[in-house]
Protein backbone atom coordinates (compact mmCIF):
# COMPACT_ATOMS: atom_id res chain seq x y z
CA MET A 1 19.81 122.51 25.36
CA SER A 2 20.38 126.13 24.52
CA ALA A 3 23.46 127.72 25.98
CA ARG A 4 21.37 130.68 27.08
CA TYR A 5 19.72 128.46 29.68
CA VAL A 6 22.89 127.30 31.40
CA ARG A 7 23.07 128.24 35.04
CA ARG A 8 24.45 131.72 35.67
CA SER A 9 26.97 132.34 38.41
CA SER A 10 27.94 135.51 40.19
CA GLY A 11 31.11 137.32 39.23
CA VAL A 12 33.42 136.07 36.50
CA GLY A 13 32.19 132.95 34.70
CA HIS A 14 34.20 129.82 35.41
CA GLY A 15 35.94 127.88 32.68
CA ILE A 16 36.57 124.19 32.60
CA HIS A 17 39.47 124.39 35.05
CA LYS A 18 38.01 127.04 37.33
CA LYS A 19 36.14 125.95 40.40
CA PRO A 20 32.45 126.90 40.20
CA PRO A 21 30.79 128.75 43.06
CA GLN A 22 29.37 126.48 45.74
CA PRO A 23 25.63 126.39 46.30
CA THR A 24 24.05 127.68 49.45
CA GLY A 25 22.31 125.28 51.71
CA SER A 26 22.80 121.55 51.93
CA GLU A 27 23.98 119.30 49.14
CA PRO A 28 21.30 117.15 47.52
CA SER A 29 21.58 113.44 48.07
CA PRO A 30 21.80 111.01 45.15
CA SER A 31 18.21 109.97 45.64
CA SER A 32 16.65 113.39 46.11
CA VAL A 33 17.13 116.44 43.94
CA ARG A 34 16.23 119.97 44.89
CA ARG A 35 16.66 123.31 43.22
CA THR A 36 19.25 125.60 44.68
CA THR A 37 19.48 129.34 44.34
CA GLU A 38 22.90 130.97 44.39
CA PRO A 39 23.56 134.65 44.89
CA GLY A 40 23.20 136.27 41.50
CA SER A 41 22.27 133.05 39.78
CA SER A 42 19.21 131.88 37.93
CA THR A 43 16.84 129.37 39.47
CA ARG A 44 16.70 127.47 36.22
CA GLY A 45 18.22 124.01 36.28
CA GLU A 46 19.06 121.58 39.03
CA ARG A 47 22.26 121.33 41.02
CA TYR A 48 23.85 117.90 40.77
CA PRO A 49 20.72 116.15 39.46
CA SER A 50 20.56 112.41 39.99
CA ARG A 51 18.31 112.05 36.97
CA GLN A 52 16.45 114.85 35.27
CA PRO A 53 12.81 114.13 34.52
CA SER A 54 13.00 114.55 30.77
CA GLU A 55 16.21 112.51 30.53
CA GLU A 56 14.93 109.16 31.67
CA HIS A 57 12.26 108.52 29.09
CA THR A 58 10.42 105.26 29.28
CA LEU A 59 11.57 102.92 26.57
CA ALA A 60 8.01 102.77 25.31
CA ASN A 61 8.73 106.15 23.76
CA VAL A 62 11.35 104.53 21.51
CA PRO A 63 9.32 102.06 19.43
CA TYR A 64 10.86 99.05 17.75
CA ILE A 65 10.70 99.58 13.99
CA GLY A 66 12.82 96.69 12.78
CA ASP A 67 12.11 93.31 11.25
CA ASN A 68 8.73 91.91 12.31
CA ARG A 69 9.62 88.30 11.60
CA GLY A 70 9.93 85.94 14.54
CA ALA A 71 9.24 86.62 18.19
CA ARG A 72 11.36 89.72 18.63
CA PRO A 73 8.64 92.39 18.11
CA TYR A 74 6.32 90.61 20.54
CA VAL A 75 9.02 90.29 23.19
CA TYR A 76 9.81 93.97 22.68
CA ASP A 77 6.16 94.93 23.22
CA LEU A 78 5.95 92.83 26.38
CA THR A 79 9.13 94.22 27.91
CA HIS A 80 8.50 97.84 26.84
CA SER A 81 4.84 98.24 27.67
CA GLU A 82 3.32 101.61 28.42
CA PRO A 83 3.51 102.66 32.08
CA SER A 84 0.27 102.98 34.01
CA HIS A 85 0.86 106.74 34.35
CA PRO A 86 2.82 107.74 31.24
CA THR A 87 2.86 111.43 32.15
CA ALA A 88 4.40 110.90 35.58
CA PRO A 89 8.11 111.81 35.48
CA VAL A 90 10.59 109.19 36.60
CA ARG A 91 12.49 110.57 39.58
CA HIS A 92 14.51 107.69 41.00
CA SER A 93 18.28 107.58 40.66
CA ASN A 94 20.12 104.85 38.81
CA TRP A 95 23.47 105.85 40.30
CA THR A 96 24.94 104.39 43.44
CA PRO A 97 26.15 106.90 46.04
CA ILE A 98 29.76 106.19 45.04
CA GLN A 99 29.00 106.73 41.36
CA PHE A 100 27.10 109.91 42.14
CA GLU A 101 29.97 111.30 44.18
CA GLN A 102 32.45 110.47 41.44
CA LEU A 103 30.33 112.22 38.81
CA LYS A 104 29.93 115.18 41.11
CA TYR A 105 33.68 115.27 41.75
CA ILE A 106 34.51 115.56 38.03
CA LYS A 107 31.77 118.22 37.65
CA ALA A 108 29.67 116.12 35.30
CA PHE A 109 26.58 118.05 36.46
CA GLU A 110 28.20 121.47 36.11
CA PRO A 111 27.61 123.14 32.73
CA LEU A 112 30.40 125.26 31.39
CA ASP A 113 30.41 129.01 31.77
CA GLU A 114 27.56 130.47 29.75
CA ASN A 115 29.76 132.31 27.26
CA LEU A 116 31.96 129.26 26.75
CA SER A 117 28.96 126.95 26.38
CA THR A 118 27.27 129.32 23.94
CA GLY A 119 30.45 129.66 21.92
CA LEU A 120 30.92 125.91 21.68
CA LEU A 121 27.28 125.43 20.72
CA LYS A 122 27.76 127.92 17.89
CA CYS A 123 30.89 126.01 16.84
CA TYR A 124 28.86 122.81 16.84
CA ILE A 125 26.04 124.15 14.68
CA SER A 126 28.40 125.93 12.28
CA ASN A 127 30.94 123.14 11.81
CA ILE A 128 29.24 119.85 12.65
CA HIS A 129 25.46 119.85 12.52
CA TYR A 130 25.00 120.22 8.77
CA SER A 131 27.64 117.59 8.05
CA LEU A 132 26.39 115.28 10.82
CA PRO A 133 22.70 116.19 11.34
CA ILE A 134 21.90 113.87 14.22
CA LEU A 135 20.29 116.33 16.66
CA ASP A 136 16.87 117.97 16.65
CA LEU A 137 17.88 121.63 16.55
CA SER A 138 14.49 122.91 17.64
CA ALA A 139 14.64 120.74 20.76
CA VAL A 140 18.21 121.81 21.42
CA LEU A 141 17.42 125.51 21.23
CA LYS A 142 14.05 125.34 23.01
CA SER A 143 15.20 123.42 26.07
CA GLN A 144 14.13 125.27 29.23
CA VAL A 145 16.31 123.21 31.60
CA PRO A 146 20.07 123.23 30.96
CA TYR A 147 20.59 120.32 28.59
CA SER A 148 17.65 118.52 30.14
CA GLU A 149 17.71 115.86 27.45
CA SER A 150 20.86 114.33 28.92
CA TRP A 151 24.04 115.44 30.63
CA LEU A 152 25.78 112.82 28.52
CA LEU A 153 24.47 114.45 25.35
CA TYR A 154 25.45 117.89 26.61
CA TRP A 155 29.08 116.91 27.20
CA SER A 156 29.16 114.97 23.92
CA VAL A 157 28.11 118.10 22.03
CA MET A 158 30.78 120.10 23.85
CA LEU A 159 33.38 117.40 23.06
CA ALA A 160 32.67 117.45 19.33
CA ALA A 161 32.58 121.26 19.25
CA ALA A 162 35.94 121.48 21.04
CA ASN A 163 37.62 120.40 17.79
CA PHE A 164 36.77 123.83 16.39
CA ALA A 165 37.22 126.05 19.43
CA GLY A 166 39.07 129.26 18.66
CA PRO A 167 41.76 130.88 20.85
CA HIS A 168 39.24 133.05 22.72
CA LEU A 169 37.19 129.99 23.73
CA LEU A 170 40.30 128.08 24.79
CA GLN A 171 41.35 131.04 26.90
CA SER A 172 37.88 131.18 28.45
CA ALA A 173 38.16 127.48 29.28
CA GLY A 174 41.56 127.98 30.89
CA VAL A 175 43.34 125.55 28.54
CA GLU A 176 46.11 125.96 25.99
CA SER A 177 44.95 123.62 23.22
CA ARG A 178 41.93 121.88 21.78
CA LYS A 179 43.41 118.53 22.78
CA GLU A 180 43.53 119.62 26.41
CA LEU A 181 39.94 120.85 26.28
CA LYS A 182 38.75 117.60 24.70
CA LYS A 183 40.58 115.58 27.33
CA GLU A 184 38.81 117.39 30.16
CA ILE A 185 35.39 117.07 28.55
CA TYR A 186 35.83 113.45 27.50
CA ARG A 187 36.48 112.40 31.09
CA ARG A 188 32.97 113.55 31.96
CA CYS A 189 31.42 111.95 28.87
CA LYS A 190 33.06 108.61 29.53
CA SER A 191 32.07 108.51 33.21
CA LEU A 192 28.46 109.40 32.43
CA TYR A 193 28.38 106.70 29.76
CA ASP A 194 29.95 104.07 32.02
CA PHE A 195 27.42 104.73 34.78
CA ASP A 196 24.47 105.14 32.43
CA VAL A 197 21.30 103.12 32.90
CA GLY A 198 17.98 103.92 31.28
CA THR A 199 18.87 106.81 28.97
CA ASN A 200 16.65 107.12 25.93
CA LYS A 201 18.30 104.99 23.25
CA ILE A 202 18.05 107.67 20.56
CA THR A 203 19.83 110.08 22.89
CA LEU A 204 22.43 107.43 23.61
CA ILE A 205 23.07 106.88 19.89
CA GLN A 206 23.45 110.62 19.35
CA SER A 207 25.90 110.81 22.25
CA VAL A 208 28.18 107.97 21.17
CA ILE A 209 28.33 109.30 17.60
CA LEU A 210 29.62 112.58 18.99
CA MET A 211 31.98 110.77 21.35
CA SER A 212 33.61 109.29 18.26
CA PHE A 213 35.28 112.68 17.83
CA TRP A 214 37.55 111.63 20.70
CA TYR A 215 40.88 110.05 19.93
CA THR A 216 44.28 110.46 21.54
CA ASP A 217 46.73 107.74 20.54
CA ALA A 218 47.15 104.13 19.49
CA GLN A 219 46.76 102.84 23.03
CA ASP A 220 43.25 104.25 23.47
CA HIS A 221 40.74 101.49 22.71
CA THR A 222 37.73 103.81 23.00
CA GLY A 223 38.27 105.81 19.85
CA ALA A 224 36.02 106.45 16.88
CA TRP A 225 35.88 102.79 15.78
CA HIS A 226 34.63 101.74 19.22
CA TRP A 227 31.98 104.43 19.62
CA ILE A 228 30.57 104.12 16.11
CA GLY A 229 30.35 100.37 16.67
CA VAL A 230 28.29 101.01 19.80
CA GLY A 231 26.06 103.42 17.88
CA ILE A 232 25.49 100.94 15.03
CA SER A 233 24.58 98.17 17.46
CA LEU A 234 22.08 100.37 19.29
CA ALA A 235 20.58 101.62 16.02
CA GLN A 236 20.11 98.11 14.66
CA THR A 237 18.55 97.08 17.96
CA LEU A 238 15.93 99.80 17.45
CA GLY A 239 15.52 98.87 13.78
CA LEU A 240 16.78 102.14 12.35
CA HIS A 241 18.21 100.19 9.42
CA ARG A 242 14.71 99.32 8.21
CA ASN A 243 12.17 101.31 6.22
CA HIS A 244 9.72 102.60 8.83
CA LYS A 245 7.44 104.45 6.42
CA GLY A 246 3.86 104.26 7.56
CA MET A 247 4.66 103.54 11.22
CA ALA A 248 1.66 104.98 13.03
CA ASN A 249 3.53 105.44 16.31
CA LEU A 250 6.19 107.72 14.79
CA THR A 251 5.77 111.40 14.02
CA SER A 252 7.20 112.95 10.89
CA ARG A 253 9.92 114.62 12.97
CA GLU A 254 10.90 111.33 14.60
CA MET A 255 11.17 109.59 11.23
CA CYS A 256 13.40 112.39 9.94
CA ILE A 257 15.72 112.13 12.92
CA ARG A 258 15.92 108.34 12.58
CA ARG A 259 16.79 108.50 8.89
CA ARG A 260 19.45 111.12 9.53
CA LEU A 261 20.87 109.10 12.40
CA TRP A 262 21.12 105.93 10.35
CA PHE A 263 22.79 107.51 7.35
CA SER A 264 25.16 109.41 9.61
CA LEU A 265 26.21 106.03 10.98
CA ILE A 266 26.62 104.70 7.43
CA ILE A 267 28.87 107.64 6.58
CA ARG A 268 31.04 107.13 9.64
CA ASP A 269 31.16 103.37 9.11
CA ARG A 270 32.40 103.72 5.51
CA TRP A 271 35.07 106.28 6.27
CA LEU A 272 36.35 104.54 9.38
CA SER A 273 36.56 101.29 7.44
CA LEU A 274 38.61 103.07 4.78
CA ALA A 275 40.87 104.71 7.38
CA ARG A 276 41.47 101.58 9.43
CA GLY A 277 41.41 98.90 6.75
CA LEU A 278 38.77 97.00 8.73
CA PRO A 279 35.55 95.34 7.50
CA LEU A 280 32.35 97.29 7.03
CA ARG A 281 29.92 96.83 9.89
CA ILE A 282 26.80 97.77 7.92
CA ASN A 283 25.86 95.56 4.98
CA ASP A 284 23.70 97.12 2.27
CA GLU A 285 21.76 93.91 1.77
CA ASP A 286 20.56 94.03 5.38
CA CYS A 287 19.08 97.53 5.13
CA ASP A 288 16.16 99.15 3.36
CA ALA A 289 16.13 102.51 5.14
CA ILE A 290 15.24 105.41 2.84
CA MET A 291 17.88 108.01 1.99
CA PRO A 292 16.98 111.33 3.69
CA ASN A 293 15.90 114.25 1.53
CA ILE A 294 16.37 117.98 1.99
CA ARG A 295 13.19 118.37 4.03
CA ASP A 296 14.36 115.64 6.41
CA VAL A 297 17.46 117.69 7.16
CA LEU A 298 15.70 121.04 7.48
CA GLU A 299 12.40 120.15 9.16
CA ASP A 300 13.56 120.59 12.75
CA GLY A 301 15.03 124.00 11.93
CA ASP A 302 11.65 125.32 10.81
CA ASP A 303 10.41 125.47 14.40
CA VAL A 304 13.37 127.40 15.74
CA ASP A 305 12.50 130.80 17.20
CA PRO A 306 13.46 133.62 14.78
CA VAL A 307 15.71 135.21 17.40
CA GLU A 308 17.50 131.92 18.02
CA ARG A 309 17.70 131.31 14.28
CA MET A 310 19.51 134.61 13.75
CA ARG A 311 21.80 133.84 16.67
CA PHE A 312 22.78 130.25 15.90
CA LEU A 313 21.70 129.11 12.43
CA PRO A 314 23.34 130.06 9.12
CA GLY A 315 21.23 131.56 6.36
CA ASP A 316 22.18 128.99 3.72
CA THR A 317 20.82 125.86 5.36
CA GLU A 318 19.21 124.48 2.21
CA ALA A 319 22.50 124.44 0.30
CA LEU A 320 24.22 122.84 3.31
CA ALA A 321 21.52 120.17 3.43
CA GLU A 322 22.04 119.41 -0.26
CA LEU A 323 25.78 119.04 0.31
CA TRP A 324 25.19 116.55 3.13
CA ILE A 325 22.87 114.42 0.99
CA LEU A 326 25.45 114.34 -1.81
CA PHE A 327 28.08 113.39 0.78
CA ALA A 328 25.85 110.57 2.04
CA GLU A 329 25.38 109.30 -1.52
CA ALA A 330 29.15 109.38 -2.13
CA SER A 331 29.69 107.48 1.13
CA VAL A 332 27.24 104.80 0.00
CA VAL A 333 29.29 104.42 -3.19
CA LEU A 334 32.44 104.28 -1.05
CA GLY A 335 30.98 101.31 0.82
CA GLN A 336 30.26 99.52 -2.44
CA VAL A 337 33.78 100.23 -3.72
CA LEU A 338 35.34 98.94 -0.50
CA ARG A 339 33.31 95.75 -0.70
CA VAL A 340 34.17 95.13 -4.37
CA HIS A 341 37.80 96.20 -4.52
CA TYR A 342 39.14 95.83 -1.01
CA GLY A 343 37.53 92.67 0.38
CA ILE A 344 39.37 89.37 0.72
CA PHE A 345 37.71 88.02 -2.43
CA ALA A 346 38.93 91.02 -4.42
CA GLU A 347 42.50 89.96 -3.68
CA ARG A 348 41.80 86.50 -5.08
CA GLU A 349 39.95 87.67 -8.20
CA PRO A 350 41.10 91.24 -8.94
CA PHE A 351 39.79 91.26 -12.53
CA ALA A 352 36.28 90.28 -11.50
CA ALA A 353 35.64 93.89 -10.43
CA LEU A 354 36.40 95.46 -13.81
CA ASP A 355 32.74 95.63 -14.78
CA SER A 356 31.84 97.63 -11.67
CA PHE A 357 34.23 100.52 -12.38
CA GLU A 358 31.99 102.33 -14.86
CA LYS A 359 28.92 101.85 -12.66
CA HIS A 360 30.65 103.31 -9.62
CA ALA A 361 32.24 106.11 -11.66
CA PHE A 362 28.81 107.06 -13.00
CA ALA A 363 27.38 107.04 -9.46
CA MET A 364 30.21 109.27 -8.26
CA ASP A 365 29.67 111.75 -11.08
CA ALA A 366 26.00 111.97 -10.07
CA CYS A 367 26.82 113.06 -6.51
CA ARG A 368 29.58 115.56 -7.16
CA PRO A 369 29.38 118.59 -4.82
CA GLY A 370 29.59 120.86 -7.85
CA ARG A 371 25.88 120.22 -8.33
CA VAL A 372 25.41 122.78 -5.56
CA ASP A 373 26.25 126.31 -6.68
CA LYS A 374 28.74 127.52 -4.08
CA ARG A 375 27.56 131.08 -4.66
CA ARG A 376 24.50 130.11 -2.62
CA LEU A 377 26.74 129.67 0.41
CA GLN A 378 27.81 132.37 2.81
CA ARG A 379 31.56 132.93 2.86
CA GLY A 380 31.77 131.48 6.36
CA ASN A 381 30.27 128.21 5.08
CA LEU A 382 32.46 127.83 2.00
CA ILE A 383 34.59 125.54 4.15
CA GLN A 384 31.68 123.05 4.14
CA TYR A 385 31.61 123.08 0.34
CA TYR A 386 35.36 122.59 0.06
CA GLN A 387 35.33 119.74 2.55
CA SER A 388 32.59 118.04 0.54
CA GLU A 389 34.84 118.33 -2.50
CA LEU A 390 37.76 116.79 -0.61
CA TYR A 391 35.58 113.85 0.43
CA TRP A 392 34.40 113.38 -3.15
CA HIS A 393 37.90 113.44 -4.60
CA GLY A 394 39.05 111.04 -1.89
CA VAL A 395 36.39 108.50 -2.87
CA ASN A 396 37.20 109.02 -6.54
CA VAL A 397 40.86 108.11 -5.97
CA VAL A 398 39.86 105.13 -3.81
CA LEU A 399 37.72 103.93 -6.72
CA SER A 400 40.56 104.32 -9.21
CA ARG A 401 43.70 103.38 -7.28
CA PRO A 402 43.27 99.57 -7.44
CA TYR A 403 43.82 99.88 -11.20
CA VAL A 404 46.87 102.10 -10.65
CA LEU A 405 48.57 100.64 -7.58
CA GLY A 406 47.17 97.10 -7.59
CA SER A 407 49.85 94.49 -8.28
CA SER A 408 47.60 92.65 -10.76
CA PHE A 409 47.52 95.72 -13.01
CA GLN A 410 51.28 96.39 -13.14
CA ASN A 411 51.81 94.04 -16.07
CA PRO A 412 52.40 96.22 -19.19
CA ALA A 413 49.87 94.22 -21.18
CA VAL A 414 47.20 94.94 -18.58
CA ALA A 415 48.32 98.48 -17.77
CA ASN A 416 47.53 99.59 -21.32
CA LEU A 417 43.89 98.49 -21.16
CA PRO A 418 41.50 101.44 -21.75
CA ILE A 419 39.80 100.98 -18.38
CA VAL A 420 43.15 101.08 -16.56
CA GLN A 421 44.19 104.23 -18.41
CA THR A 422 40.81 105.80 -17.63
CA ALA A 423 41.25 104.97 -13.94
CA LEU A 424 44.77 106.44 -13.94
CA ALA A 425 43.54 109.67 -15.53
CA ARG A 426 40.64 109.85 -13.07
CA ALA A 427 42.95 109.33 -10.08
CA ARG A 428 45.39 111.95 -11.34
CA ASP A 429 42.62 114.47 -11.94
CA SER A 430 41.18 114.04 -8.45
CA SER A 431 44.56 114.12 -6.70
CA ARG A 432 45.39 117.33 -8.58
CA GLU A 433 42.00 118.85 -7.73
CA THR A 434 42.54 117.92 -4.09
CA ASN A 435 45.46 120.32 -3.97
CA SER A 436 43.43 123.02 -5.70
CA VAL A 437 40.70 122.68 -3.07
CA LEU A 438 43.29 122.85 -0.28
CA GLU A 439 44.60 126.08 -1.78
CA SER A 440 41.07 127.52 -1.69
CA ILE A 441 40.78 126.48 1.96
CA MET A 442 44.09 128.17 2.76
CA ASP A 443 42.63 131.40 1.37
CA LEU A 444 39.82 131.31 3.94
CA GLU A 445 40.35 132.80 7.36
CA ASP A 446 41.22 129.92 9.72
CA GLY A 447 40.07 127.56 6.96
CA VAL A 448 42.57 124.79 7.71
CA HIS A 449 41.79 124.86 11.43
CA LEU A 450 38.11 124.19 10.66
CA LEU A 451 38.79 120.94 8.81
CA LYS A 452 37.18 117.84 10.28
CA PRO A 453 39.21 114.77 11.30
CA MET A 454 37.79 112.64 8.46
CA ILE A 455 39.44 115.00 5.97
CA ILE A 456 42.78 113.38 6.83
CA THR A 457 41.40 110.04 5.65
CA ALA A 458 40.18 111.73 2.46
CA LEU A 459 43.62 113.23 1.79
CA ILE A 460 45.62 110.00 2.08
CA PRO A 461 44.55 108.47 -1.29
CA SER A 462 45.55 111.66 -3.14
CA MET A 463 48.82 111.78 -1.21
CA GLN A 464 49.46 108.21 -2.32
CA MET A 465 49.02 109.32 -5.92
CA HIS A 466 51.45 112.21 -5.39
CA LEU A 467 53.97 109.74 -3.96
CA TYR A 468 53.35 107.46 -6.92
CA GLU A 469 54.23 110.34 -9.25
CA CYS A 470 57.40 111.02 -7.24
CA ARG A 471 58.63 107.58 -8.22
CA GLY A 472 57.70 107.92 -11.89
CA GLN A 473 60.02 107.86 -14.87
CA SER A 474 59.18 111.40 -15.96
CA SER A 475 61.29 114.03 -14.22
CA THR A 476 58.51 116.58 -14.72
CA ARG A 477 55.89 114.38 -13.07
CA THR A 478 58.35 113.58 -10.28
CA MET A 479 58.89 117.27 -9.55
CA VAL A 480 55.16 118.06 -9.67
CA GLY A 481 54.30 115.07 -7.47
CA HIS A 482 56.94 116.11 -4.95
CA ASN A 483 55.63 119.69 -4.79
CA ARG A 484 52.01 118.59 -4.43
CA LEU A 485 52.84 116.11 -1.70
CA ASN A 486 54.81 118.71 0.23
CA PHE A 487 51.84 121.07 0.04
CA CYS A 488 49.58 118.39 1.56
CA LEU A 489 52.16 117.84 4.29
CA SER A 490 52.13 121.56 5.08
CA VAL A 491 48.38 121.30 5.70
CA LEU A 492 48.88 118.33 8.02
CA LYS A 493 51.45 120.32 9.98
CA LEU A 494 48.75 122.87 10.74
CA LEU A 495 46.34 120.13 11.86
CA ARG A 496 48.75 118.15 14.03
CA ARG A 497 48.00 120.19 17.16
CA THR A 498 44.34 119.16 16.98
CA TYR A 499 44.30 115.69 15.43
CA TRP A 500 46.51 112.77 16.39
CA SER A 501 46.02 111.15 12.98
CA ALA A 502 47.40 114.25 11.24
CA ASN A 503 50.70 113.79 13.06
CA VAL A 504 50.80 110.10 12.19
CA THR A 505 50.13 110.68 8.49
CA LEU A 506 52.58 113.56 8.35
CA GLN A 507 55.47 111.55 9.78
CA LEU A 508 54.71 108.54 7.62
CA PHE A 509 54.77 110.45 4.33
CA GLU A 510 57.76 112.55 5.37
CA HIS A 511 59.64 109.33 5.97
CA ALA A 512 58.53 108.02 2.57
CA LEU A 513 59.81 111.17 0.85
CA ARG A 514 63.19 110.89 2.58
CA THR A 515 63.41 107.26 1.58
CA LEU A 516 62.73 108.14 -2.06
CA GLN A 517 65.36 110.87 -1.90
CA THR A 518 67.84 108.35 -0.51
CA GLU A 519 66.97 105.92 -3.30
CA SER A 520 67.49 108.69 -5.86
CA LEU A 521 70.86 109.60 -4.32
CA PHE A 522 71.82 105.95 -4.36
CA HIS A 523 71.05 105.59 -8.06
CA GLN A 524 72.84 108.83 -8.94
CA LYS A 525 76.01 107.85 -7.09
CA ALA A 526 75.88 104.30 -8.40
CA SER A 527 75.46 105.58 -11.95
CA ALA A 528 78.36 108.02 -11.53
CA ALA A 529 80.56 105.31 -10.07
CA SER A 530 79.67 102.94 -12.88
CA THR A 531 80.62 105.59 -15.43
CA GLN A 532 83.88 106.23 -13.61
CA ASP A 533 84.65 102.50 -13.51
CA VAL A 534 84.13 102.16 -17.25
CA SER A 535 86.28 105.19 -18.07
CA GLY A 536 88.98 104.96 -15.41
CA GLY A 537 89.06 101.31 -14.44
CA GLN A 538 88.50 101.96 -10.74
CA ASN A 539 87.02 99.26 -8.56
CA VAL A 540 83.36 99.64 -7.59
CA GLU A 541 82.11 97.91 -4.46
CA TYR A 542 78.54 97.09 -3.63
CA ALA A 543 76.12 99.92 -4.26
CA SER A 544 75.06 99.97 -0.61
CA GLN A 545 78.18 101.97 0.21
CA PHE A 546 76.56 104.98 -1.44
CA VAL A 547 73.62 105.14 0.96
CA ASP A 548 73.91 108.11 3.29
CA PRO A 549 74.95 106.61 6.68
CA THR A 550 73.37 109.54 8.58
CA PHE A 551 69.86 108.66 7.40
CA TYR A 552 67.95 106.61 9.96
CA PRO A 553 64.17 106.89 9.61
CA PRO A 554 62.17 106.63 12.84
CA SER A 555 61.04 103.13 13.74
CA ILE A 556 57.29 103.56 14.15
CA TRP A 557 55.97 100.21 12.96
CA ASN A 558 55.93 97.00 14.93
CA THR A 559 53.49 94.82 13.00
CA THR A 560 54.79 91.84 11.07
CA GLY A 561 54.43 92.37 7.34
CA LEU A 562 54.74 96.14 7.55
CA VAL A 563 58.41 96.28 8.54
CA ASN A 564 61.65 95.17 7.01
CA ASP A 565 64.49 93.30 8.70
CA THR A 566 65.83 96.51 10.22
CA GLY A 567 62.52 97.36 11.87
CA PHE A 568 61.98 100.36 9.56
CA PRO A 569 58.77 100.96 7.60
CA GLU A 570 58.50 99.41 4.18
CA ILE A 571 57.81 102.26 1.77
CA GLU A 572 56.13 99.78 -0.56
CA GLN A 573 53.17 99.76 1.83
CA LEU A 574 52.34 103.29 0.69
CA PHE A 575 52.22 102.10 -2.91
CA ASN A 576 49.68 99.44 -1.99
CA ALA A 577 46.08 99.99 -3.10
CA ASN A 578 44.91 98.43 0.19
CA PHE A 579 47.01 100.71 2.39
CA ALA A 580 45.45 101.70 5.71
CA LEU A 581 46.84 102.80 9.02
CA PRO A 582 45.60 100.44 11.76
CA ASP A 583 45.96 101.89 15.22
CA ASN A 584 47.65 98.84 16.70
CA ALA A 585 50.42 98.95 14.10
CA VAL A 586 52.32 101.82 15.61
CA THR A 587 54.39 102.62 18.64
CA TRP A 588 54.75 106.34 19.19
CA PRO A 589 57.75 108.15 20.64
CA GLN A 590 57.12 110.24 23.71
CA ASP A 591 59.02 113.22 22.30
CA TRP A 592 57.15 114.45 19.21
CA SER A 593 59.93 116.89 18.40
CA THR A 594 62.30 114.06 17.43
CA TRP A 595 59.98 112.73 14.75
CA GLY A 596 61.15 112.92 11.20
CA THR A 597 64.70 113.98 12.07
CA ALA A 598 67.85 112.25 10.94
CA VAL A 599 70.07 110.84 13.67
């Protein structure tokens, strides 16, 4: 799958919007594939392949490693038996002529220009692989046919990498923004997925995990939640959630990939559940898969050619692998916290979870990214360390905020309990450290623009704490909370061109700040009027007359329970320990420039 093996074309390389040179000779039919040679081009690869030989693996190559109780393993063996000639490549097409023509029309079989493809592959390895190690790097970089594993996987890799494409790559692609590049690539991913039949299931899981990097707006039902759900279902079907140690039909490399795949799904499941306020899809009690170790993450990189290693791989892979394992451990704790503190039973018995706080706090302290000496990291990879810290602080605040923002703990008698005070101090420390980490990221070249979409979810709990401080009784804490929240909003402003959720979060908290300022103005004017009434005997009407009539926050909510009688957002939702931003709770204006402005 190496970019160096993509098909070369004569003249200037074509970007995503530029029409590729046409092949000489006749077009291949959907049922027969032939190699074509273009002037000045390499003979490697196949033009418009109906199904590449190495893509359509027999399902016997993906053994079932799940629960052996009942009839399922026997049915699996019967329906996935070894072919009579296992070495014979499968050549038939699973696409109808209409499907094939549609895929050809959207250039699903046309790799990007070599320089663009290579650049995006470097972006993928630098920014994604060591925080989502789901691919076999040695296979990716050794591939002799352009992305012979799967065209779906190829475009999925390009889609995920597009989140980190720099200006020179966007210019090469002929687009103006990352969003535009992702839109063009996603169209090919989605069509290949919709028409897919027979792709190796491991490859399919890898592809849909990467497709979860796609998201446009609230009306798109095929966002991250959808694709990770597909990946989890496929993984459980193959039994990746079970301990497959000792399986004779699996190589060491295959077991490593399966463990990494499963825990990558766990990570995404936990963070999406936190972001969306939806139930966890993976239950700990149903799984006994072993947590990957450092060798699991690094094993496939050992076989990479030294030249390719220098070209694509960073030199601090071991430290990056350690950071990912600590991140996976923190995400496991996040799942436990969500189940204990944010489930429906937690709302009924909020004090039943008090005993778990110390256990979860101890587990979080054990997986702090600071266990990895950041001096071991190259400067270009410090962003990975800082992002790990942001994730850790996000989980830490999520652990603590039920004791700070939960309605059951607002009673003064309860609020003074030692455990509640400890939780408050822990939440304040992590929210403060979140801003310190963001400052370090701002000091890096293009640091903010290399942040991953899940970072926005990690920032929201700390931003809630800043907002909580803005409403406090202490003027000093109010000022500090206001400044810290504004700094977080400045980071979101830089991310809004890439991530839809950054724009949503930005507008929501900007509205909350304006509402608090209006409340403060209301109290100041009401207090002044009350003083004037006492001293001068003037009549004071209802306090509502002091609200600034020019302030009309944007109406972005339409879900019952989240809006007030005027249709405006209830700021109290942001002071709720269970706050989440469900996609179907918002209606977005077409003109982004009008957001956050007073009428």
